[in-house]
């Protein structure tokens, strides 16, 4: 069950695309879990997941490819006996076919979404540093998921 929830949460990574006044840069993505590790403790569990994602933009900025690949690292904390994470963070590294690099960080939100922000970028992404998105899982397929991302600023 936790893997299914995590796969769904992981799908929010693409929300890490573009924003900062670029409200049209939303889209959808898919993520596939390639590694999972857990640390059990007396009062809960720490879960780490690594995913490989593809982000597809509905209206990519001029010069951007329509799809980008990313590697995302998810960190989640669960209280003992709980299926929903108490909180979490995500870090995604994306490289587009043009060779531009984007680095995204995000946090889990109380409503079950993930709020990523572009914290560093080269090439086309450089002008979008500070852009924020909201990611939401639309299909949870166990070790993979489908999600949408919409600009938050």
C-alpha atoms as a PDB file:
ATOM      1  CA  UNK A   1       0.000   0.000   0.000  1.00  0.00           C
ATOM      2  CA  UNK A   2       2.776   2.432   0.872  1.00  0.00           C
ATOM      3  CA  UNK A   3       4.422   1.729  -2.496  1.00  0.00           C
ATOM      4  CA  UNK A   4       1.160   2.556  -4.265  1.00  0.00           C
ATOM      5  CA  UNK A   5       0.805   5.817  -2.345  1.00  0.00           C
ATOM      6  CA  UNK A   6       4.425   6.652  -3.018  1.00  0.00           C
ATOM      7  CA  UNK A   7       4.129   5.900  -6.703  1.00  0.00           C
ATOM      8  CA  UNK A   8       1.221   8.292  -6.833  1.00  0.00           C
ATOM      9  CA  UNK A   9       3.093  10.939  -4.940  1.00  0.00           C
ATOM     10  CA  UNK A  10       6.082  10.489  -7.183  1.00  0.00           C
ATOM     11  CA  UNK A  11       3.985  11.442 -10.104  1.00  0.00           C
ATOM     12  CA  UNK A  12       3.971  14.989  -8.844  1.00  0.00           C
ATOM     13  CA  UNK A  13       7.563  15.505  -9.825  1.00  0.00           C
ATOM     14  CA  UNK A  14       6.686  16.841 -13.251  1.00  0.00           C
ATOM     15  CA  UNK A  15       4.889  19.660 -11.632  1.00  0.00           C
ATOM     16  CA  UNK A  16       8.431  20.852 -11.400  1.00  0.00           C
ATOM     17  CA  UNK A  17       8.463  22.281 -14.844  1.00  0.00           C
ATOM     18  CA  UNK A  18       7.892  25.973 -15.482  1.00  0.00           C
ATOM     19  CA  UNK A  19       5.961  28.802 -13.905  1.00  0.00           C
ATOM     20  CA  UNK A  20       7.074  32.161 -12.539  1.00  0.00           C
ATOM     21  CA  UNK A  21       4.650  34.049 -14.718  1.00  0.00           C
ATOM     22  CA  UNK A  22       4.588  31.246 -17.270  1.00  0.00           C
ATOM     23  CA  UNK A  23       1.115  30.021 -16.403  1.00  0.00           C
ATOM     24  CA  UNK A  24       0.693  28.086 -19.628  1.00  0.00           C
ATOM     25  CA  UNK A  25       3.535  25.644 -18.877  1.00  0.00           C
ATOM     26  CA  UNK A  26       1.556  22.817 -17.374  1.00  0.00           C
ATOM     27  CA  UNK A  27       1.353  19.251 -18.524  1.00  0.00           C
ATOM     28  CA  UNK A  28       1.421  15.645 -17.462  1.00  0.00           C
ATOM     29  CA  UNK A  29       3.962  12.981 -16.738  1.00  0.00           C
ATOM     30  CA  UNK A  30       4.642   9.438 -15.783  1.00  0.00           C
ATOM     31  CA  UNK A  31       7.033   8.011 -13.229  1.00  0.00           C
ATOM     32  CA  UNK A  32       8.407   4.512 -12.699  1.00  0.00           C
ATOM     33  CA  UNK A  33       9.994   3.400  -9.409  1.00  0.00           C
ATOM     34  CA  UNK A  34      13.521   2.011  -9.915  1.00  0.00           C
ATOM     35  CA  UNK A  35      14.690   1.797  -6.283  1.00  0.00           C
ATOM     36  CA  UNK A  36      13.112   1.723  -2.824  1.00  0.00           C
ATOM     37  CA  UNK A  37      14.725   1.685   0.620  1.00  0.00           C
ATOM     38  CA  UNK A  38      13.178   1.835   4.071  1.00  0.00           C
ATOM     39  CA  UNK A  39      14.454   2.560   7.557  1.00  0.00           C
ATOM     40  CA  UNK A  40      12.245   1.220  10.351  1.00  0.00           C
ATOM     41  CA  UNK A  41      12.255   3.079  13.659  1.00  0.00           C
ATOM     42  CA  UNK A  42      10.335   2.755  16.927  1.00  0.00           C
ATOM     43  CA  UNK A  43       7.690   5.332  15.993  1.00  0.00           C
ATOM     44  CA  UNK A  44       7.592   5.054  12.217  1.00  0.00           C
ATOM     45  CA  UNK A  45       9.374   4.512   8.961  1.00  0.00           C
ATOM     46  CA  UNK A  46      11.481   6.565   6.548  1.00  0.00           C
ATOM     47  CA  UNK A  47      10.952   5.636   2.900  1.00  0.00           C
ATOM     48  CA  UNK A  48      13.230   6.556   0.005  1.00  0.00           C
ATOM     49  CA  UNK A  49      12.170   6.037  -3.610  1.00  0.00           C
ATOM     50  CA  UNK A  50      13.967   6.784  -6.846  1.00  0.00           C
ATOM     51  CA  UNK A  51      11.921   7.216 -10.009  1.00  0.00           C
ATOM     52  CA  UNK A  52      12.567   7.727 -13.697  1.00  0.00           C
ATOM     53  CA  UNK A  53      10.054  10.180 -15.106  1.00  0.00           C
ATOM     54  CA  UNK A  54       8.975  11.670 -18.417  1.00  0.00           C
ATOM     55  CA  UNK A  55       7.334  15.103 -18.355  1.00  0.00           C
ATOM     56  CA  UNK A  56       5.207  16.174 -21.330  1.00  0.00           C
ATOM     57  CA  UNK A  57       4.309  19.853 -21.606  1.00  0.00           C
ATOM     58  CA  UNK A  58       0.964  20.983 -22.967  1.00  0.00           C
ATOM     59  CA  UNK A  59       2.419  24.254 -24.325  1.00  0.00           C
ATOM     60  CA  UNK A  60       6.208  24.145 -24.022  1.00  0.00           C
ATOM     61  CA  UNK A  61       8.081  27.446 -24.156  1.00  0.00           C
ATOM     62  CA  UNK A  62       9.674  28.329 -27.476  1.00  0.00           C
ATOM     63  CA  UNK A  63      12.819  26.274 -27.948  1.00  0.00           C
ATOM     64  CA  UNK A  64      11.808  23.653 -25.361  1.00  0.00           C
ATOM     65  CA  UNK A  65      11.161  20.077 -26.436  1.00  0.00           C
ATOM     66  CA  UNK A  66       7.661  18.733 -25.811  1.00  0.00           C
ATOM     67  CA  UNK A  67       9.009  16.026 -23.461  1.00  0.00           C
ATOM     68  CA  UNK A  68      11.809  15.903 -20.879  1.00  0.00           C
ATOM     69  CA  UNK A  69      13.260  13.013 -18.868  1.00  0.00           C
ATOM     70  CA  UNK A  70      14.016  13.321 -15.159  1.00  0.00           C
ATOM     71  CA  UNK A  71      15.360  11.319 -12.246  1.00  0.00           C
ATOM     72  CA  UNK A  72      13.572  11.999  -8.968  1.00  0.00           C
ATOM     73  CA  UNK A  73      14.441  11.100  -5.375  1.00  0.00           C
ATOM     74  CA  UNK A  74      11.556  10.940  -2.903  1.00  0.00           C
ATOM     75  CA  UNK A  75      11.918  11.031   0.877  1.00  0.00           C
ATOM     76  CA  UNK A  76       8.846  10.234   3.009  1.00  0.00           C
ATOM     77  CA  UNK A  77       8.105   9.727   6.701  1.00  0.00           C
ATOM     78  CA  UNK A  78       5.285   7.482   7.926  1.00  0.00           C
ATOM     79  CA  UNK A  79       4.078   7.158  11.518  1.00  0.00           C
ATOM     80  CA  UNK A  80       3.717   3.578  12.753  1.00  0.00           C
ATOM     81  CA  UNK A  81       0.484   2.075  11.414  1.00  0.00           C
ATOM     82  CA  UNK A  82      -0.234   4.944   9.001  1.00  0.00           C
ATOM     83  CA  UNK A  83      -0.661   4.565   5.225  1.00  0.00           C
ATOM     84  CA  UNK A  84      -0.422   8.270   4.376  1.00  0.00           C
ATOM     85  CA  UNK A  85       2.967   9.975   4.723  1.00  0.00           C
ATOM     86  CA  UNK A  86       3.294  12.550   7.507  1.00  0.00           C
ATOM     87  CA  UNK A  87       5.470  14.586   5.184  1.00  0.00           C
ATOM     88  CA  UNK A  88       8.051  14.355   2.508  1.00  0.00           C
ATOM     89  CA  UNK A  89      10.372  16.020   0.064  1.00  0.00           C
ATOM     90  CA  UNK A  90      11.384  15.434  -3.529  1.00  0.00           C
ATOM     91  CA  UNK A  91      14.424  16.349  -5.594  1.00  0.00           C
ATOM     92  CA  UNK A  92      14.419  15.974  -9.385  1.00  0.00           C
ATOM     93  CA  UNK A  93      17.194  16.449 -11.904  1.00  0.00           C
ATOM     94  CA  UNK A  94      16.020  16.931 -15.477  1.00  0.00           C
ATOM     95  CA  UNK A  95      17.987  17.177 -18.710  1.00  0.00           C
ATOM     96  CA  UNK A  96      16.157  18.054 -21.894  1.00  0.00           C
ATOM     97  CA  UNK A  97      17.219  16.885 -25.377  1.00  0.00           C
ATOM     98  CA  UNK A  98      18.807  20.328 -25.943  1.00  0.00           C
ATOM     99  CA  UNK A  99      21.224  19.610 -23.069  1.00  0.00           C
ATOM    100  CA  UNK A 100      19.644  22.105 -20.657  1.00  0.00           C
ATOM    101  CA  UNK A 101      19.594  21.089 -16.981  1.00  0.00           C
ATOM    102  CA  UNK A 102      16.894  21.788 -14.385  1.00  0.00           C
ATOM    103  CA  UNK A 103      17.075  21.078 -10.645  1.00  0.00           C
ATOM    104  CA  UNK A 104      13.800  20.942  -8.720  1.00  0.00           C
ATOM    105  CA  UNK A 105      12.936  20.633  -5.017  1.00  0.00           C
ATOM    106  CA  UNK A 106       9.451  20.060  -3.684  1.00  0.00           C
ATOM    107  CA  UNK A 107       7.493  19.330  -0.531  1.00  0.00           C
ATOM    108  CA  UNK A 108       4.377  17.315   0.170  1.00  0.00           C
ATOM    109  CA  UNK A 109       1.235  19.349   0.832  1.00  0.00           C
ATOM    110  CA  UNK A 110      -1.591  18.599   3.329  1.00  0.00           C
ATOM    111  CA  UNK A 111      -4.037  18.015   0.447  1.00  0.00           C
ATOM    112  CA  UNK A 112      -1.911  15.165  -0.992  1.00  0.00           C
ATOM    113  CA  UNK A 113      -0.264  17.165  -3.762  1.00  0.00           C
ATOM    114  CA  UNK A 114       3.401  18.008  -4.185  1.00  0.00           C
ATOM    115  CA  UNK A 115       4.651  21.594  -4.631  1.00  0.00           C
ATOM    116  CA  UNK A 116       7.922  21.663  -6.616  1.00  0.00           C
ATOM    117  CA  UNK A 117      10.030  24.711  -7.449  1.00  0.00           C
ATOM    118  CA  UNK A 118      12.803  25.118 -10.023  1.00  0.00           C
ATOM    119  CA  UNK A 119      15.829  26.038  -7.886  1.00  0.00           C
ATOM    120  CA  UNK A 120      18.540  26.064 -10.576  1.00  0.00           C
ATOM    121  CA  UNK A 121      18.713  25.753 -14.334  1.00  0.00           C
ATOM    122  CA  UNK A 122      20.903  26.172 -17.381  1.00  0.00           C
ATOM    123  CA  UNK A 123      19.973  27.149 -20.919  1.00  0.00           C
ATOM    124  CA  UNK A 124      16.234  27.632 -21.391  1.00  0.00           C
ATOM    125  CA  UNK A 125      15.534  26.754 -17.751  1.00  0.00           C
ATOM    126  CA  UNK A 126      17.750  29.536 -16.404  1.00  0.00           C
ATOM    127  CA  UNK A 127      15.101  32.229 -16.934  1.00  0.00           C
ATOM    128  CA  UNK A 128      12.501  30.093 -15.137  1.00  0.00           C
ATOM    129  CA  UNK A 129      14.333  29.689 -11.802  1.00  0.00           C
ATOM    130  CA  UNK A 130      11.793  30.267  -9.025  1.00  0.00           C
ATOM    131  CA  UNK A 131       8.870  28.846 -11.003  1.00  0.00           C
ATOM    132  CA  UNK A 132       6.459  26.730  -8.944  1.00  0.00           C
ATOM    133  CA  UNK A 133       3.974  23.979  -9.781  1.00  0.00           C
ATOM    134  CA  UNK A 134       1.386  21.788  -8.120  1.00  0.00           C
ATOM    135  CA  UNK A 135       1.584  18.081  -8.956  1.00  0.00           C
ATOM    136  CA  UNK A 136      -1.315  15.675  -8.577  1.00  0.00           C
ATOM    137  CA  UNK A 137      -1.486  11.943  -9.263  1.00  0.00           C
ATOM    138  CA  UNK A 138      -4.271  10.942 -11.645  1.00  0.00           C
ATOM    139  CA  UNK A 139      -3.511   7.199 -11.964  1.00  0.00           C
ATOM    140  CA  UNK A 140      -1.693   5.032  -9.418  1.00  0.00           C
ATOM    141  CA  UNK A 141      -0.433   1.874 -11.113  1.00  0.00           C
ATOM    142  CA  UNK A 142       1.599   0.433  -8.250  1.00  0.00           C
ATOM    143  CA  UNK A 143       5.259   0.877  -9.225  1.00  0.00           C
ATOM    144  CA  UNK A 144       4.356   3.560 -11.756  1.00  0.00           C
ATOM    145  CA  UNK A 145       1.988   6.491 -11.894  1.00  0.00           C
ATOM    146  CA  UNK A 146       0.523   9.161 -14.132  1.00  0.00           C
ATOM    147  CA  UNK A 147       0.192  12.739 -12.936  1.00  0.00           C
ATOM    148  CA  UNK A 148      -0.555  16.311 -13.929  1.00  0.00           C
ATOM    149  CA  UNK A 149       1.333  19.480 -13.075  1.00  0.00           C
ATOM    150  CA  UNK A 150      -0.010  22.999 -13.178  1.00  0.00           C
ATOM    151  CA  UNK A 151       1.775  26.298 -12.543  1.00  0.00           C
ATOM    152  CA  UNK A 152       1.337  27.730  -9.057  1.00  0.00           C
ATOM    153  CA  UNK A 153       2.702  31.227  -9.747  1.00  0.00           C
END
